[in-house]
Amino acid sequence: MAGLLKAVGGLVIGIAILFGIATLFSGSAAGVAAGLIGALSYAFNGAVIFALGLMLEHLEAIRRECDRQSDMLTDLLRKMPKTDASPREPGVSQLDQLAKSSFKFRDI
């Protein structure tokens, strides 16, 4: 989906450039000004579509890395040396509670 948005955005920008070039060679000064304004608005719309594609691609990359980072954090918490409980709370330390939980970053 991200690739499709990027392709459509690039296509809209390309058509806007061609439209702007075509208006330069045809018509009067008022027509050229109106045509260039239209071409610029189309180019801006294409840039917005392309930016949405890039944002979606970035979010997909974050989602793919989420599980790997959760597993790395869980392994790191399990490998930490056991320390005495803090003087405030005589029960189980917070690191032990985190290591035993099934916390995943995507649950946030």
N, C-alpha and C. Protein backbone atom coordinates (compact mmCIF):
# COMPACT_ATOMS: atom_id res chain seq x y z
N MET A 1 0.82 -1.19 0.00
CA MET A 1 0.00 0.00 0.00
C MET A 1 0.87 1.26 0.00
N ALA A 2 1.97 1.22 0.75
CA ALA A 2 2.85 2.38 0.80
C ALA A 2 3.48 2.62 -0.57
N GLY A 3 3.89 1.55 -1.22
CA GLY A 3 4.47 1.69 -2.56
C GLY A 3 3.48 2.25 -3.56
N LEU A 4 2.22 1.84 -3.43
CA LEU A 4 1.18 2.34 -4.33
C LEU A 4 0.96 3.84 -4.11
N LEU A 5 0.91 4.28 -2.86
CA LEU A 5 0.74 5.70 -2.59
C LEU A 5 1.92 6.51 -3.12
N LYS A 6 3.13 5.99 -2.95
CA LYS A 6 4.30 6.69 -3.45
C LYS A 6 4.28 6.76 -4.98
N ALA A 7 3.86 5.69 -5.63
CA ALA A 7 3.80 5.68 -7.10
C ALA A 7 2.73 6.65 -7.60
N VAL A 8 1.57 6.66 -6.96
CA VAL A 8 0.50 7.58 -7.37
C VAL A 8 0.93 9.02 -7.14
N GLY A 9 1.57 9.29 -6.01
CA GLY A 9 2.05 10.65 -5.73
C GLY A 9 3.06 11.10 -6.76
N GLY A 10 3.99 10.22 -7.13
CA GLY A 10 4.97 10.57 -8.16
C GLY A 10 4.31 10.79 -9.51
N LEU A 11 3.31 9.99 -9.82
CA LEU A 11 2.59 10.14 -11.09
C LEU A 11 1.84 11.47 -11.13
N VAL A 12 1.19 11.84 -10.03
CA VAL A 12 0.47 13.12 -9.98
C VAL A 12 1.45 14.29 -10.12
N ILE A 13 2.61 14.20 -9.49
CA ILE A 13 3.62 15.26 -9.62
C ILE A 13 4.10 15.34 -11.06
N GLY A 14 4.34 14.19 -11.70
CA GLY A 14 4.78 14.18 -13.10
C GLY A 14 3.75 14.79 -14.03
N ILE A 15 2.48 14.46 -13.82
CA ILE A 15 1.41 15.03 -14.65
C ILE A 15 1.31 16.54 -14.42
N ALA A 16 1.50 16.97 -13.17
CA ALA A 16 1.45 18.41 -12.88
C ALA A 16 2.58 19.14 -13.59
N ILE A 17 3.76 18.55 -13.63
CA ILE A 17 4.88 19.19 -14.34
C ILE A 17 4.57 19.28 -15.83
N LEU A 18 4.06 18.20 -16.40
CA LEU A 18 3.71 18.23 -17.83
C LEU A 18 2.60 19.25 -18.10
N PHE A 19 1.63 19.35 -17.20
CA PHE A 19 0.55 20.32 -17.35
C PHE A 19 1.09 21.75 -17.28
N GLY A 20 2.03 21.99 -16.38
CA GLY A 20 2.63 23.32 -16.27
C GLY A 20 3.43 23.68 -17.51
N ILE A 21 4.17 22.74 -18.06
CA ILE A 21 4.94 22.99 -19.29
C ILE A 21 4.00 23.25 -20.46
N ALA A 22 2.91 22.49 -20.53
CA ALA A 22 1.96 22.67 -21.63
C ALA A 22 1.28 24.03 -21.56
N THR A 23 1.00 24.53 -20.36
CA THR A 23 0.35 25.84 -20.26
C THR A 23 1.30 26.98 -20.59
N LEU A 24 2.60 26.77 -20.43
CA LEU A 24 3.55 27.82 -20.78
C LEU A 24 3.58 28.07 -22.29
N PHE A 25 3.37 27.03 -23.08
CA PHE A 25 3.47 27.16 -24.52
C PHE A 25 2.15 27.45 -25.21
N SER A 26 1.07 27.54 -24.47
CA SER A 26 -0.22 27.79 -25.12
C SER A 26 -1.00 28.84 -24.35
N GLY A 27 -1.76 29.65 -25.07
CA GLY A 27 -2.67 30.57 -24.43
C GLY A 27 -2.08 31.93 -24.13
N SER A 28 -2.91 32.76 -23.53
CA SER A 28 -2.52 34.12 -23.19
C SER A 28 -1.87 34.15 -21.81
N ALA A 29 -1.51 35.33 -21.37
CA ALA A 29 -0.84 35.48 -20.08
C ALA A 29 -1.77 35.10 -18.93
N ALA A 30 -3.03 35.45 -19.03
CA ALA A 30 -3.98 35.10 -17.97
C ALA A 30 -4.20 33.60 -17.92
N GLY A 31 -4.25 32.96 -19.08
CA GLY A 31 -4.40 31.51 -19.12
C GLY A 31 -3.19 30.79 -18.57
N VAL A 32 -2.00 31.34 -18.87
CA VAL A 32 -0.76 30.74 -18.36
C VAL A 32 -0.71 30.84 -16.84
N ALA A 33 -1.10 32.00 -16.30
CA ALA A 33 -1.09 32.17 -14.84
C ALA A 33 -2.06 31.20 -14.18
N ALA A 34 -3.24 31.08 -14.74
CA ALA A 34 -4.22 30.14 -14.17
C ALA A 34 -3.74 28.70 -14.30
N GLY A 35 -3.14 28.38 -15.43
CA GLY A 35 -2.63 27.02 -15.64
C GLY A 35 -1.49 26.68 -14.69
N LEU A 36 -0.60 27.65 -14.46
CA LEU A 36 0.51 27.41 -13.53
C LEU A 36 0.02 27.26 -12.10
N ILE A 37 -1.00 28.02 -11.73
CA ILE A 37 -1.57 27.87 -10.38
C ILE A 37 -2.18 26.48 -10.24
N GLY A 38 -2.88 26.03 -11.26
CA GLY A 38 -3.44 24.68 -11.23
C GLY A 38 -2.36 23.62 -11.17
N ALA A 39 -1.29 23.81 -11.94
CA ALA A 39 -0.19 22.84 -11.94
C ALA A 39 0.48 22.79 -10.57
N LEU A 40 0.66 23.94 -9.95
CA LEU A 40 1.27 23.96 -8.62
C LEU A 40 0.38 23.28 -7.59
N SER A 41 -0.92 23.46 -7.70
CA SER A 41 -1.81 22.79 -6.74
C SER A 41 -1.80 21.28 -6.95
N TYR A 42 -1.74 20.84 -8.21
CA TYR A 42 -1.63 19.40 -8.47
C TYR A 42 -0.31 18.84 -7.94
N ALA A 43 0.76 19.61 -8.13
CA ALA A 43 2.07 19.15 -7.63
C ALA A 43 2.06 19.05 -6.11
N PHE A 44 1.42 20.00 -5.45
CA PHE A 44 1.32 19.95 -3.99
C PHE A 44 0.51 18.73 -3.55
N ASN A 45 -0.59 18.47 -4.23
CA ASN A 45 -1.40 17.29 -3.90
C ASN A 45 -0.59 16.01 -4.10
N GLY A 46 0.19 15.95 -5.17
CA GLY A 46 1.04 14.78 -5.39
C GLY A 46 2.08 14.62 -4.30
N ALA A 47 2.64 15.75 -3.84
CA ALA A 47 3.63 15.69 -2.76
C ALA A 47 2.99 15.19 -1.46
N VAL A 48 1.76 15.60 -1.20
CA VAL A 48 1.06 15.14 0.01
C VAL A 48 0.80 13.64 -0.08
N ILE A 49 0.36 13.17 -1.24
CA ILE A 49 0.12 11.73 -1.42
C ILE A 49 1.42 10.95 -1.23
N PHE A 50 2.51 11.46 -1.80
CA PHE A 50 3.80 10.80 -1.67
C PHE A 50 4.25 10.77 -0.21
N ALA A 51 4.04 11.88 0.51
CA ALA A 51 4.41 11.94 1.93
C ALA A 51 3.59 10.96 2.76
N LEU A 52 2.32 10.80 2.44
CA LEU A 52 1.50 9.80 3.14
C LEU A 52 2.03 8.39 2.89
N GLY A 53 2.49 8.13 1.67
CA GLY A 53 3.09 6.83 1.38
C GLY A 53 4.35 6.60 2.19
N LEU A 54 5.19 7.63 2.30
CA LEU A 54 6.41 7.50 3.11
C LEU A 54 6.08 7.27 4.59
N MET A 55 5.07 7.98 5.09
CA MET A 55 4.68 7.81 6.49
C MET A 55 4.16 6.40 6.74
N LEU A 56 3.35 5.89 5.83
CA LEU A 56 2.83 4.54 5.97
C LEU A 56 3.96 3.52 5.92
N GLU A 57 4.93 3.73 5.05
CA GLU A 57 6.08 2.83 4.97
C GLU A 57 6.87 2.84 6.28
N HIS A 58 7.02 4.02 6.88
CA HIS A 58 7.73 4.13 8.15
C HIS A 58 6.97 3.41 9.26
N LEU A 59 5.66 3.55 9.31
CA LEU A 59 4.86 2.87 10.33
C LEU A 59 4.91 1.36 10.17
N GLU A 60 4.95 0.88 8.93
CA GLU A 60 5.07 -0.56 8.70
C GLU A 60 6.43 -1.07 9.17
N ALA A 61 7.48 -0.28 8.97
CA ALA A 61 8.81 -0.68 9.44
C ALA A 61 8.85 -0.74 10.97
N ILE A 62 8.21 0.21 11.62
CA ILE A 62 8.15 0.20 13.09
C ILE A 62 7.41 -1.03 13.57
N ARG A 63 6.31 -1.38 12.93
CA ARG A 63 5.53 -2.54 13.35
C ARG A 63 6.33 -3.83 13.18
N ARG A 64 7.12 -3.92 12.10
CA ARG A 64 7.94 -5.13 11.89
C ARG A 64 9.01 -5.27 12.96
N GLU A 65 9.57 -4.15 13.41
CA GLU A 65 10.64 -4.19 14.40
C GLU A 65 10.12 -4.33 15.83
N CYS A 66 8.84 -4.15 16.04
CA CYS A 66 8.26 -4.14 17.38
C CYS A 66 8.48 -5.46 18.11
N ASP A 67 8.19 -6.58 17.46
CA ASP A 67 8.34 -7.88 18.12
C ASP A 67 9.80 -8.17 18.46
N ARG A 68 10.70 -7.83 17.55
CA ARG A 68 12.12 -8.08 17.78
C ARG A 68 12.61 -7.26 18.97
N GLN A 69 12.18 -6.01 19.08
CA GLN A 69 12.61 -5.17 20.19
C GLN A 69 12.01 -5.65 21.51
N SER A 70 10.78 -6.14 21.48
CA SER A 70 10.18 -6.68 22.70
C SER A 70 10.94 -7.91 23.18
N ASP A 71 11.32 -8.78 22.24
CA ASP A 71 12.09 -9.96 22.62
C ASP A 71 13.46 -9.58 23.16
N MET A 72 14.10 -8.58 22.55
CA MET A 72 15.41 -8.14 23.04
C MET A 72 15.31 -7.58 24.45
N LEU A 73 14.26 -6.80 24.73
CA LEU A 73 14.09 -6.24 26.07
C LEU A 73 13.83 -7.33 27.09
N THR A 74 13.01 -8.31 26.72
CA THR A 74 12.73 -9.42 27.63
C THR A 74 13.99 -10.21 27.93
N ASP A 75 14.81 -10.49 26.91
CA ASP A 75 16.07 -11.20 27.13
C ASP A 75 17.01 -10.39 28.01
N LEU A 76 17.06 -9.09 27.80
CA LEU A 76 17.92 -8.24 28.61
C LEU A 76 17.48 -8.26 30.07
N LEU A 77 16.18 -8.22 30.30
CA LEU A 77 15.69 -8.25 31.68
C LEU A 77 15.97 -9.59 32.34
N ARG A 78 15.92 -10.65 31.59
CA ARG A 78 16.20 -11.97 32.16
C ARG A 78 17.68 -12.16 32.47
N LYS A 79 18.55 -11.52 31.71
CA LYS A 79 19.99 -11.69 31.90
C LYS A 79 20.55 -10.80 33.00
N MET A 80 19.77 -9.82 33.47
CA MET A 80 20.27 -8.92 34.51
C MET A 80 20.48 -9.69 35.80
N PRO A 81 21.54 -9.36 36.54
CA PRO A 81 21.78 -10.07 37.80
C PRO A 81 20.70 -9.73 38.82
N LYS A 82 20.38 -10.71 39.63
CA LYS A 82 19.37 -10.52 40.67
C LYS A 82 19.97 -9.63 41.76
N THR A 83 19.24 -8.62 42.14
CA THR A 83 19.69 -7.72 43.21
C THR A 83 18.71 -7.80 44.36
N ASP A 84 19.13 -7.28 45.48
CA ASP A 84 18.23 -7.26 46.64
C ASP A 84 17.07 -6.31 46.36
N ALA A 85 15.96 -6.59 47.00
CA ALA A 85 14.79 -5.73 46.83
C ALA A 85 15.09 -4.36 47.42
N SER A 86 14.44 -3.37 46.93
CA SER A 86 14.68 -2.01 47.40
C SER A 86 14.21 -1.88 48.85
N PRO A 87 14.80 -0.96 49.61
CA PRO A 87 14.41 -0.82 51.01
C PRO A 87 12.97 -0.34 51.18
N ARG A 88 12.40 0.28 50.15
CA ARG A 88 11.03 0.76 50.26
C ARG A 88 10.03 -0.39 50.24
N GLU A 89 10.30 -1.38 49.40
CA GLU A 89 9.34 -2.47 49.21
C GLU A 89 10.04 -3.81 49.44
N PRO A 90 9.67 -4.54 50.47
CA PRO A 90 10.36 -5.80 50.75
C PRO A 90 9.94 -6.94 49.82
N GLY A 91 8.99 -6.73 48.93
CA GLY A 91 8.49 -7.80 48.05
C GLY A 91 9.39 -8.02 46.84
N VAL A 92 8.81 -8.48 45.77
CA VAL A 92 9.53 -8.79 44.54
C VAL A 92 9.93 -7.49 43.85
N SER A 93 11.14 -7.48 43.27
CA SER A 93 11.60 -6.27 42.60
C SER A 93 10.81 -6.03 41.32
N GLN A 94 10.84 -4.81 40.86
CA GLN A 94 10.09 -4.44 39.67
C GLN A 94 10.68 -5.11 38.43
N LEU A 95 11.99 -5.31 38.39
CA LEU A 95 12.60 -5.98 37.24
C LEU A 95 12.13 -7.43 37.13
N ASP A 96 11.98 -8.10 38.28
CA ASP A 96 11.47 -9.47 38.24
C ASP A 96 10.03 -9.51 37.74
N GLN A 97 9.24 -8.53 38.17
CA GLN A 97 7.86 -8.47 37.69
C GLN A 97 7.81 -8.24 36.19
N LEU A 98 8.69 -7.37 35.67
CA LEU A 98 8.72 -7.13 34.23
C LEU A 98 9.19 -8.35 33.47
N ALA A 99 10.17 -9.06 34.01
CA ALA A 99 10.69 -10.24 33.33
C ALA A 99 9.64 -11.34 33.24
N LYS A 100 8.78 -11.44 34.23
CA LYS A 100 7.75 -12.49 34.24
C LYS A 100 6.53 -12.11 33.41
N SER A 101 6.37 -10.84 33.11
CA SER A 101 5.17 -10.42 32.38
C SER A 101 5.30 -10.76 30.90
N SER A 102 4.19 -10.72 30.22
CA SER A 102 4.18 -10.98 28.77
C SER A 102 3.98 -9.65 28.04
N PHE A 103 4.70 -8.64 28.47
CA PHE A 103 4.58 -7.30 27.91
C PHE A 103 5.14 -7.26 26.49
N LYS A 104 4.40 -6.64 25.59
CA LYS A 104 4.84 -6.41 24.21
C LYS A 104 4.67 -4.93 23.91
N PHE A 105 5.61 -4.37 23.15
CA PHE A 105 5.52 -2.95 22.83
C PHE A 105 4.27 -2.62 22.02
N ARG A 106 3.81 -3.54 21.24
CA ARG A 106 2.66 -3.23 20.40
C ARG A 106 1.38 -3.13 21.22
N ASP A 107 1.39 -3.56 22.49
CA ASP A 107 0.22 -3.44 23.35
C ASP A 107 -0.03 -2.01 23.79
N ILE A 108 0.95 -1.15 23.60
CA ILE A 108 0.81 0.24 24.04
C ILE A 108 -0.17 0.95 23.12
